[in-house]
């Protein structure tokens, strides 16, 4: 049996780059939330809850494909608690 994980990498800072790496096991993810804000300059945010909680934010054109990919690789059948994009309207 293979151990399935999401591995995310980013760099912070303009002049002094600082790498950030997050690794999360797929079976430990129990919540995914996606939000968009703004009219002219649309920004979006993904919140992922699992062994750790983390957020990914940025322009919709960059963040939404990441959300769609993560949502597609997480096995919804085995983990019914995962919140889907369609259910986001009901969140308060």
PDB file of N, CA and C in Angstrom:
ATOM      1  N   UNK A   1       0.842  -1.183   0.000  1.00  0.00           N
ATOM      2  CA  UNK A   1       0.000   0.000   0.000  1.00  0.00           C
ATOM      3  C   UNK A   1       0.890   1.249   0.000  1.00  0.00           C
ATOM      4  N   UNK A   2       0.533   2.185  -0.850  1.00  0.00           N
ATOM      5  CA  UNK A   2       1.309   3.412  -0.970  1.00  0.00           C
ATOM      6  C   UNK A   2       0.786   4.472  -0.018  1.00  0.00           C
ATOM      7  N   UNK A   3       1.674   5.296   0.446  1.00  0.00           N
ATOM      8  CA  UNK A   3       1.315   6.416   1.306  1.00  0.00           C
ATOM      9  C   UNK A   3       1.099   7.633   0.420  1.00  0.00           C
ATOM     10  N   UNK A   4      -0.129   8.118   0.343  1.00  0.00           N
ATOM     11  CA  UNK A   4      -0.458   9.242  -0.536  1.00  0.00           C
ATOM     12  C   UNK A   4      -0.423  10.539   0.263  1.00  0.00           C
ATOM     13  N   UNK A   5       0.295  11.517  -0.297  1.00  0.00           N
ATOM     14  CA  UNK A   5       0.443  12.806   0.369  1.00  0.00           C
ATOM     15  C   UNK A   5       0.335  13.948  -0.630  1.00  0.00           C
ATOM     16  N   UNK A   6      -0.059  15.090  -0.110  1.00  0.00           N
ATOM     17  CA  UNK A   6      -0.002  16.335  -0.874  1.00  0.00           C
ATOM     18  C   UNK A   6       1.272  17.041  -0.430  1.00  0.00           C
ATOM     19  N   UNK A   7       2.059  17.472  -1.384  1.00  0.00           N
ATOM     20  CA  UNK A   7       3.293  18.180  -1.092  1.00  0.00           C
ATOM     21  C   UNK A   7       3.199  19.554  -1.756  1.00  0.00           C
ATOM     22  N   UNK A   8       3.234  20.602  -0.950  1.00  0.00           N
ATOM     23  CA  UNK A   8       3.126  21.970  -1.451  1.00  0.00           C
ATOM     24  C   UNK A   8       4.425  22.713  -1.156  1.00  0.00           C
ATOM     25  N   UNK A   9       4.856  23.517  -2.125  1.00  0.00           N
ATOM     26  CA  UNK A   9       6.083  24.284  -1.993  1.00  0.00           C
ATOM     27  C   UNK A   9       5.815  25.725  -2.398  1.00  0.00           C
ATOM     28  N   UNK A  10       6.342  26.664  -1.635  1.00  0.00           N
ATOM     29  CA  UNK A  10       6.249  28.073  -2.016  1.00  0.00           C
ATOM     30  C   UNK A  10       7.471  28.814  -1.492  1.00  0.00           C
ATOM     31  N   UNK A  11       7.669  30.013  -2.018  1.00  0.00           N
ATOM     32  CA  UNK A  11       8.745  30.879  -1.555  1.00  0.00           C
ATOM     33  C   UNK A  11       8.138  32.194  -1.096  1.00  0.00           C
ATOM     34  N   UNK A  12       8.628  32.691   0.021  1.00  0.00           N
ATOM     35  CA  UNK A  12       8.186  33.985   0.543  1.00  0.00           C
ATOM     36  C   UNK A  12       9.313  34.984   0.409  1.00  0.00           C
ATOM     37  N   UNK A  13       8.926  36.247   0.321  1.00  0.00           N
ATOM     38  CA  UNK A  13       9.920  37.311   0.288  1.00  0.00           C
ATOM     39  C   UNK A  13      10.309  37.703  -1.122  1.00  0.00           C
ATOM     40  N   UNK A  14      10.643  38.975  -1.276  1.00  0.00           N
ATOM     41  CA  UNK A  14      11.056  39.474  -2.585  1.00  0.00           C
ATOM     42  C   UNK A  14      12.560  39.416  -2.768  1.00  0.00           C
ATOM     43  N   UNK A  15      13.287  39.825  -1.740  1.00  0.00           N
ATOM     44  CA  UNK A  15      14.741  39.892  -1.857  1.00  0.00           C
ATOM     45  C   UNK A  15      15.413  38.685  -1.215  1.00  0.00           C
ATOM     46  N   UNK A  16      14.947  38.313  -0.043  1.00  0.00           N
ATOM     47  CA  UNK A  16      15.505  37.166   0.672  1.00  0.00           C
ATOM     48  C   UNK A  16      14.451  36.064   0.649  1.00  0.00           C
ATOM     49  N   UNK A  17      14.587  35.159  -0.283  1.00  0.00           N
ATOM     50  CA  UNK A  17      13.618  34.083  -0.465  1.00  0.00           C
ATOM     51  C   UNK A  17      13.697  33.089   0.694  1.00  0.00           C
ATOM     52  N   UNK A  18      12.516  32.713   1.179  1.00  0.00           N
ATOM     53  CA  UNK A  18      12.416  31.736   2.244  1.00  0.00           C
ATOM     54  C   UNK A  18      11.492  30.616   1.777  1.00  0.00           C
ATOM     55  N   UNK A  19      11.993  29.404   1.639  1.00  0.00           N
ATOM     56  CA  UNK A  19      11.147  28.306   1.147  1.00  0.00           C
ATOM     57  C   UNK A  19      10.224  27.759   2.235  1.00  0.00           C
ATOM     58  N   UNK A  20       9.016  27.408   1.847  1.00  0.00           N
ATOM     59  CA  UNK A  20       8.051  26.756   2.725  1.00  0.00           C
ATOM     60  C   UNK A  20       7.613  25.458   2.063  1.00  0.00           C
ATOM     61  N   UNK A  21       7.636  24.370   2.808  1.00  0.00           N
ATOM     62  CA  UNK A  21       7.204  23.083   2.302  1.00  0.00           C
ATOM     63  C   UNK A  21       6.198  22.500   3.290  1.00  0.00           C
ATOM     64  N   UNK A  22       5.060  22.052   2.766  1.00  0.00           N
ATOM     65  CA  UNK A  22       4.031  21.427   3.586  1.00  0.00           C
ATOM     66  C   UNK A  22       3.737  20.060   2.984  1.00  0.00           C
ATOM     67  N   UNK A  23       3.694  19.052   3.841  1.00  0.00           N
ATOM     68  CA  UNK A  23       3.342  17.706   3.422  1.00  0.00           C
ATOM     69  C   UNK A  23       2.182  17.230   4.296  1.00  0.00           C
ATOM     70  N   UNK A  24       1.125  16.764   3.662  1.00  0.00           N
ATOM     71  CA  UNK A  24      -0.063  16.325   4.395  1.00  0.00           C
ATOM     72  C   UNK A  24      -0.566  15.023   3.796  1.00  0.00           C
ATOM     73  N   UNK A  25      -0.810  14.029   4.630  1.00  0.00           N
ATOM     74  CA  UNK A  25      -1.348  12.751   4.158  1.00  0.00           C
ATOM     75  C   UNK A  25      -2.795  12.937   3.725  1.00  0.00           C
ATOM     76  N   UNK A  26      -3.157  12.358   2.587  1.00  0.00           N
ATOM     77  CA  UNK A  26      -4.510  12.525   2.052  1.00  0.00           C
ATOM     78  C   UNK A  26      -5.576  12.010   2.999  1.00  0.00           C
ATOM     79  N   UNK A  27      -5.322  10.878   3.648  1.00  0.00           N
ATOM     80  CA  UNK A  27      -6.351  10.315   4.521  1.00  0.00           C
ATOM     81  C   UNK A  27      -6.562  11.130   5.793  1.00  0.00           C
ATOM     82  N   UNK A  28      -5.645  12.054   6.111  1.00  0.00           N
ATOM     83  CA  UNK A  28      -5.819  12.884   7.301  1.00  0.00           C
ATOM     84  C   UNK A  28      -6.586  14.174   7.000  1.00  0.00           C
ATOM     85  N   UNK A  29      -6.848  14.468   5.738  1.00  0.00           N
ATOM     86  CA  UNK A  29      -7.584  15.685   5.378  1.00  0.00           C
ATOM     87  C   UNK A  29      -9.074  15.470   5.632  1.00  0.00           C
ATOM     88  N   UNK A  30      -9.661  16.349   6.425  1.00  0.00           N
ATOM     89  CA  UNK A  30     -11.084  16.232   6.711  1.00  0.00           C
ATOM     90  C   UNK A  30     -11.872  17.485   6.361  1.00  0.00           C
ATOM     91  N   UNK A  31     -11.246  18.504   5.825  1.00  0.00           N
ATOM     92  CA  UNK A  31     -11.969  19.704   5.427  1.00  0.00           C
ATOM     93  C   UNK A  31     -11.216  20.509   4.384  1.00  0.00           C
ATOM     94  N   UNK A  32     -11.940  20.932   3.355  1.00  0.00           N
ATOM     95  CA  UNK A  32     -11.389  21.809   2.328  1.00  0.00           C
ATOM     96  C   UNK A  32     -12.406  22.921   2.108  1.00  0.00           C
ATOM     97  N   UNK A  33     -11.949  24.153   2.194  1.00  0.00           N
ATOM     98  CA  UNK A  33     -12.840  25.297   2.008  1.00  0.00           C
ATOM     99  C   UNK A  33     -12.232  26.232   0.976  1.00  0.00           C
ATOM    100  N   UNK A  34     -13.055  26.743   0.082  1.00  0.00           N
ATOM    101  CA  UNK A  34     -12.603  27.666  -0.957  1.00  0.00           C
ATOM    102  C   UNK A  34     -13.462  28.924  -0.898  1.00  0.00           C
ATOM    103  N   UNK A  35     -12.829  30.102  -0.897  1.00  0.00           N
ATOM    104  CA  UNK A  35     -13.539  31.380  -0.879  1.00  0.00           C
ATOM    105  C   UNK A  35     -12.932  32.326  -1.897  1.00  0.00           C
ATOM    106  N   UNK A  36     -13.799  33.167  -2.484  1.00  0.00           N
ATOM    107  CA  UNK A  36     -13.348  34.234  -3.387  1.00  0.00           C
ATOM    108  C   UNK A  36     -13.868  35.559  -2.866  1.00  0.00           C
ATOM    109  N   UNK A  37     -13.045  36.601  -3.013  1.00  0.00           N
ATOM    110  CA  UNK A  37     -13.453  37.950  -2.620  1.00  0.00           C
ATOM    111  C   UNK A  37     -12.982  38.928  -3.673  1.00  0.00           C
ATOM    112  N   UNK A  38     -13.716  40.035  -3.771  1.00  0.00           N
ATOM    113  CA  UNK A  38     -13.323  41.101  -4.674  1.00  0.00           C
ATOM    114  C   UNK A  38     -14.122  41.122  -5.954  1.00  0.00           C
ATOM    115  N   UNK A  39     -14.153  42.299  -6.574  1.00  0.00           N
ATOM    116  CA  UNK A  39     -14.872  42.450  -7.836  1.00  0.00           C
ATOM    117  C   UNK A  39     -13.878  42.663  -8.974  1.00  0.00           C
ATOM    118  N   UNK A  40     -13.035  43.669  -8.863  1.00  0.00           N
ATOM    119  CA  UNK A  40     -12.049  43.926  -9.912  1.00  0.00           C
ATOM    120  C   UNK A  40     -10.812  43.050  -9.758  1.00  0.00           C
ATOM    121  N   UNK A  41     -10.285  42.996  -8.547  1.00  0.00           N
ATOM    122  CA  UNK A  41      -9.087  42.203  -8.271  1.00  0.00           C
ATOM    123  C   UNK A  41      -9.497  41.021  -7.412  1.00  0.00           C
ATOM    124  N   UNK A  42      -9.976  39.983  -8.063  1.00  0.00           N
ATOM    125  CA  UNK A  42     -10.471  38.817  -7.330  1.00  0.00           C
ATOM    126  C   UNK A  42      -9.326  38.049  -6.694  1.00  0.00           C
ATOM    127  N   UNK A  43      -9.477  37.802  -5.403  1.00  0.00           N
ATOM    128  CA  UNK A  43      -8.525  37.003  -4.647  1.00  0.00           C
ATOM    129  C   UNK A  43      -9.275  35.793  -4.107  1.00  0.00           C
ATOM    130  N   UNK A  44      -8.550  34.710  -3.927  1.00  0.00           N
ATOM    131  CA  UNK A  44      -9.187  33.505  -3.396  1.00  0.00           C
ATOM    132  C   UNK A  44      -8.316  32.899  -2.309  1.00  0.00           C
ATOM    133  N   UNK A  45      -8.956  32.037  -1.515  1.00  0.00           N
ATOM    134  CA  UNK A  45      -8.274  31.405  -0.404  1.00  0.00           C
ATOM    135  C   UNK A  45      -8.775  29.976  -0.269  1.00  0.00           C
ATOM    136  N   UNK A  46      -7.847  29.061  -0.024  1.00  0.00           N
ATOM    137  CA  UNK A  46      -8.178  27.666   0.267  1.00  0.00           C
ATOM    138  C   UNK A  46      -7.749  27.408   1.706  1.00  0.00           C
ATOM    139  N   UNK A  47      -8.644  26.825   2.488  1.00  0.00           N
ATOM    140  CA  UNK A  47      -8.291  26.363   3.834  1.00  0.00           C
ATOM    141  C   UNK A  47      -8.364  24.852   3.821  1.00  0.00           C
ATOM    142  N   UNK A  48      -7.297  24.227   4.236  1.00  0.00           N
ATOM    143  CA  UNK A  48      -7.234  22.768   4.283  1.00  0.00           C
ATOM    144  C   UNK A  48      -7.025  22.361   5.736  1.00  0.00           C
ATOM    145  N   UNK A  49      -7.896  21.480   6.202  1.00  0.00           N
ATOM    146  CA  UNK A  49      -7.813  21.003   7.579  1.00  0.00           C
ATOM    147  C   UNK A  49      -7.507  19.514   7.578  1.00  0.00           C
ATOM    148  N   UNK A  50      -6.477  19.173   8.291  1.00  0.00           N
ATOM    149  CA  UNK A  50      -6.063  17.782   8.406  1.00  0.00           C
ATOM    150  C   UNK A  50      -5.254  17.645   9.671  1.00  0.00           C
ATOM    151  N   UNK A  51      -4.092  17.001   9.576  1.00  0.00           N
ATOM    152  CA  UNK A  51      -3.189  16.925  10.718  1.00  0.00           C
ATOM    153  C   UNK A  51      -2.752  18.318  11.139  1.00  0.00           C
ATOM    154  N   UNK A  52      -2.614  19.206  10.168  1.00  0.00           N
ATOM    155  CA  UNK A  52      -2.359  20.624  10.412  1.00  0.00           C
ATOM    156  C   UNK A  52      -3.379  21.424   9.616  1.00  0.00           C
ATOM    157  N   UNK A  53      -3.576  22.674   9.994  1.00  0.00           N
ATOM    158  CA  UNK A  53      -4.455  23.565   9.236  1.00  0.00           C
ATOM    159  C   UNK A  53      -3.576  24.565   8.519  1.00  0.00           C
ATOM    160  N   UNK A  54      -3.845  24.766   7.225  1.00  0.00           N
ATOM    161  CA  UNK A  54      -3.078  25.761   6.491  1.00  0.00           C
ATOM    162  C   UNK A  54      -3.945  26.406   5.429  1.00  0.00           C
ATOM    163  N   UNK A  55      -3.504  27.588   4.984  1.00  0.00           N
ATOM    164  CA  UNK A  55      -4.226  28.364   3.979  1.00  0.00           C
ATOM    165  C   UNK A  55      -3.316  28.641   2.794  1.00  0.00           C
ATOM    166  N   UNK A  56      -3.939  28.680   1.633  1.00  0.00           N
ATOM    167  CA  UNK A  56      -3.268  29.082   0.408  1.00  0.00           C
ATOM    168  C   UNK A  56      -4.082  30.238  -0.136  1.00  0.00           C
ATOM    169  N   UNK A  57      -3.445  31.372  -0.401  1.00  0.00           N
ATOM    170  CA  UNK A  57      -4.190  32.516  -0.919  1.00  0.00           C
ATOM    171  C   UNK A  57      -3.443  33.149  -2.078  1.00  0.00           C
ATOM    172  N   UNK A  58      -4.211  33.825  -2.933  1.00  0.00           N
ATOM    173  CA  UNK A  58      -3.635  34.488  -4.090  1.00  0.00           C
ATOM    174  C   UNK A  58      -4.697  34.780  -5.118  1.00  0.00           C
ATOM    175  N   UNK A  59      -4.291  35.151  -6.318  1.00  0.00           N
ATOM    176  CA  UNK A  59      -5.253  35.437  -7.386  1.00  0.00           C
ATOM    177  C   UNK A  59      -6.060  34.193  -7.742  1.00  0.00           C
ATOM    178  N   UNK A  60      -7.322  34.400  -8.102  1.00  0.00           N
ATOM    179  CA  UNK A  60      -8.216  33.302  -8.452  1.00  0.00           C
ATOM    180  C   UNK A  60      -7.625  32.440  -9.555  1.00  0.00           C
ATOM    181  N   UNK A  61      -6.980  33.062 -10.530  1.00  0.00           N
ATOM    182  CA  UNK A  61      -6.435  32.305 -11.671  1.00  0.00           C
ATOM    183  C   UNK A  61      -5.356  31.319 -11.250  1.00  0.00           C
ATOM    184  N   UNK A  62      -4.718  31.552 -10.099  1.00  0.00           N
ATOM    185  CA  UNK A  62      -3.676  30.643  -9.625  1.00  0.00           C
ATOM    186  C   UNK A  62      -4.180  29.672  -8.564  1.00  0.00           C
ATOM    187  N   UNK A  63      -5.090  30.117  -7.709  1.00  0.00           N
ATOM    188  CA  UNK A  63      -5.508  29.314  -6.566  1.00  0.00           C
ATOM    189  C   UNK A  63      -6.632  28.336  -6.908  1.00  0.00           C
ATOM    190  N   UNK A  64      -7.559  28.735  -7.756  1.00  0.00           N
ATOM    191  CA  UNK A  64      -8.686  27.854  -8.072  1.00  0.00           C
ATOM    192  C   UNK A  64      -8.247  26.542  -8.734  1.00  0.00           C
ATOM    193  N   UNK A  65      -7.291  26.553  -9.676  1.00  0.00           N
ATOM    194  CA  UNK A  65      -6.826  25.274 -10.218  1.00  0.00           C
ATOM    195  C   UNK A  65      -6.183  24.367  -9.157  1.00  0.00           C
ATOM    196  N   UNK A  66      -5.506  24.964  -8.181  1.00  0.00           N
ATOM    197  CA  UNK A  66      -4.920  24.175  -7.096  1.00  0.00           C
ATOM    198  C   UNK A  66      -6.031  23.523  -6.288  1.00  0.00           C
ATOM    199  N   UNK A  67      -7.087  24.295  -5.976  1.00  0.00           N
ATOM    200  CA  UNK A  67      -8.229  23.741  -5.241  1.00  0.00           C
ATOM    201  C   UNK A  67      -8.873  22.601  -6.022  1.00  0.00           C
ATOM    202  N   UNK A  68      -9.105  22.808  -7.307  1.00  0.00           N
ATOM    203  CA  UNK A  68      -9.729  21.761  -8.125  1.00  0.00           C
ATOM    204  C   UNK A  68      -8.877  20.497  -8.156  1.00  0.00           C
ATOM    205  N   UNK A  69      -7.561  20.662  -8.224  1.00  0.00           N
ATOM    206  CA  UNK A  69      -6.673  19.505  -8.225  1.00  0.00           C
ATOM    207  C   UNK A  69      -6.723  18.766  -6.893  1.00  0.00           C
ATOM    208  N   UNK A  70      -6.609  19.504  -5.797  1.00  0.00           N
ATOM    209  CA  UNK A  70      -6.650  18.866  -4.476  1.00  0.00           C
ATOM    210  C   UNK A  70      -7.977  18.152  -4.272  1.00  0.00           C
ATOM    211  N   UNK A  71      -9.048  18.803  -4.688  1.00  0.00           N
ATOM    212  CA  UNK A  71     -10.375  18.210  -4.544  1.00  0.00           C
ATOM    213  C   UNK A  71     -10.489  16.931  -5.367  1.00  0.00           C
ATOM    214  N   UNK A  72      -9.846  16.888  -6.525  1.00  0.00           N
ATOM    215  CA  UNK A  72      -9.949  15.709  -7.385  1.00  0.00           C
ATOM    216  C   UNK A  72      -9.131  14.529  -6.866  1.00  0.00           C
ATOM    217  N   UNK A  73      -8.037  14.778  -6.135  1.00  0.00           N
ATOM    218  CA  UNK A  73      -7.213  13.667  -5.672  1.00  0.00           C
ATOM    219  C   UNK A  73      -7.638  13.117  -4.323  1.00  0.00           C
ATOM    220  N   UNK A  74      -8.389  13.899  -3.576  1.00  0.00           N
ATOM    221  CA  UNK A  74      -8.876  13.411  -2.282  1.00  0.00           C
ATOM    222  C   UNK A  74     -10.044  12.477  -2.555  1.00  0.00           C
ATOM    223  N   UNK A  75      -9.995  11.302  -2.001  1.00  0.00           N
ATOM    224  CA  UNK A  75     -11.027  10.300  -2.250  1.00  0.00           C
ATOM    225  C   UNK A  75     -12.273  10.633  -1.431  1.00  0.00           C
ATOM    226  N   UNK A  76     -13.276  11.214  -2.085  1.00  0.00           N
ATOM    227  CA  UNK A  76     -14.500  11.633  -1.406  1.00  0.00           C
ATOM    228  C   UNK A  76     -15.252  10.427  -0.843  1.00  0.00           C
ATOM    229  N   UNK A  77     -15.213   9.303  -1.519  1.00  0.00           N
ATOM    230  CA  UNK A  77     -15.937   8.117  -1.071  1.00  0.00           C
ATOM    231  C   UNK A  77     -15.490   7.618   0.293  1.00  0.00           C
ATOM    232  N   UNK A  78     -14.194   7.695   0.581  1.00  0.00           N
ATOM    233  CA  UNK A  78     -13.681   7.220   1.857  1.00  0.00           C
ATOM    234  C   UNK A  78     -13.798   8.258   2.953  1.00  0.00           C
ATOM    235  N   UNK A  79     -13.894   9.522   2.609  1.00  0.00           N
ATOM    236  CA  UNK A  79     -13.906  10.587   3.607  1.00  0.00           C
ATOM    237  C   UNK A  79     -15.084  11.510   3.330  1.00  0.00           C
ATOM    238  N   UNK A  80     -16.240  11.172   3.831  1.00  0.00           N
ATOM    239  CA  UNK A  80     -17.468  11.901   3.539  1.00  0.00           C
ATOM    240  C   UNK A  80     -17.528  13.267   4.215  1.00  0.00           C
ATOM    241  N   UNK A  81     -16.609  13.575   5.121  1.00  0.00           N
ATOM    242  CA  UNK A  81     -16.654  14.856   5.824  1.00  0.00           C
ATOM    243  C   UNK A  81     -16.035  16.000   5.031  1.00  0.00           C
ATOM    244  N   UNK A  82     -15.429  15.713   3.896  1.00  0.00           N
ATOM    245  CA  UNK A  82     -14.777  16.763   3.117  1.00  0.00           C
ATOM    246  C   UNK A  82     -15.831  17.673   2.510  1.00  0.00           C
ATOM    247  N   UNK A  83     -15.654  18.955   2.707  1.00  0.00           N
ATOM    248  CA  UNK A  83     -16.587  19.946   2.180  1.00  0.00           C
ATOM    249  C   UNK A  83     -16.227  20.246   0.739  1.00  0.00           C
ATOM    250  N   UNK A  84     -17.194  20.164  -0.106  1.00  0.00           N
ATOM    251  CA  UNK A  84     -16.967  20.392  -1.527  1.00  0.00           C
ATOM    252  C   UNK A  84     -17.303  21.833  -1.887  1.00  0.00           C
ATOM    253  N   UNK A  85     -16.837  22.280  -3.017  1.00  0.00           N
ATOM    254  CA  UNK A  85     -17.086  23.633  -3.493  1.00  0.00           C
ATOM    255  C   UNK A  85     -18.573  23.915  -3.582  1.00  0.00           C
ATOM    256  N   UNK A  86     -19.372  22.925  -3.984  1.00  0.00           N
ATOM    257  CA  UNK A  86     -20.816  23.108  -4.105  1.00  0.00           C
ATOM    258  C   UNK A  86     -21.463  23.414  -2.767  1.00  0.00           C
ATOM    259  N   UNK A  87     -20.888  22.918  -1.679  1.00  0.00           N
ATOM    260  CA  UNK A  87     -21.444  23.140  -0.351  1.00  0.00           C
ATOM    261  C   UNK A  87     -20.979  24.447   0.273  1.00  0.00           C
ATOM    262  N   UNK A  88     -20.057  25.155  -0.366  1.00  0.00           N
ATOM    263  CA  UNK A  88     -19.474  26.365   0.205  1.00  0.00           C
ATOM    264  C   UNK A  88     -20.509  27.452   0.447  1.00  0.00           C
ATOM    265  N   UNK A  89     -21.586  27.451  -0.304  1.00  0.00           N
ATOM    266  CA  UNK A  89     -22.631  28.460  -0.123  1.00  0.00           C
ATOM    267  C   UNK A  89     -23.307  28.325   1.216  1.00  0.00           C
ATOM    268  N   UNK A  90     -23.337  27.139   1.778  1.00  0.00           N
ATOM    269  CA  UNK A  90     -24.014  26.900   3.049  1.00  0.00           C
ATOM    270  C   UNK A  90     -23.151  27.186   4.252  1.00  0.00           C
ATOM    271  N   UNK A  91     -21.860  27.520   4.058  1.00  0.00           N
ATOM    272  CA  UNK A  91     -20.968  27.778   5.182  1.00  0.00           C
ATOM    273  C   UNK A  91     -21.234  29.153   5.739  1.00  0.00           C
ATOM    274  N   UNK A  92     -21.130  29.263   7.035  1.00  0.00           N
ATOM    275  CA  UNK A  92     -21.282  30.572   7.662  1.00  0.00           C
ATOM    276  C   UNK A  92     -20.045  30.943   8.424  1.00  0.00           C
TER     277      UNK A  92
END
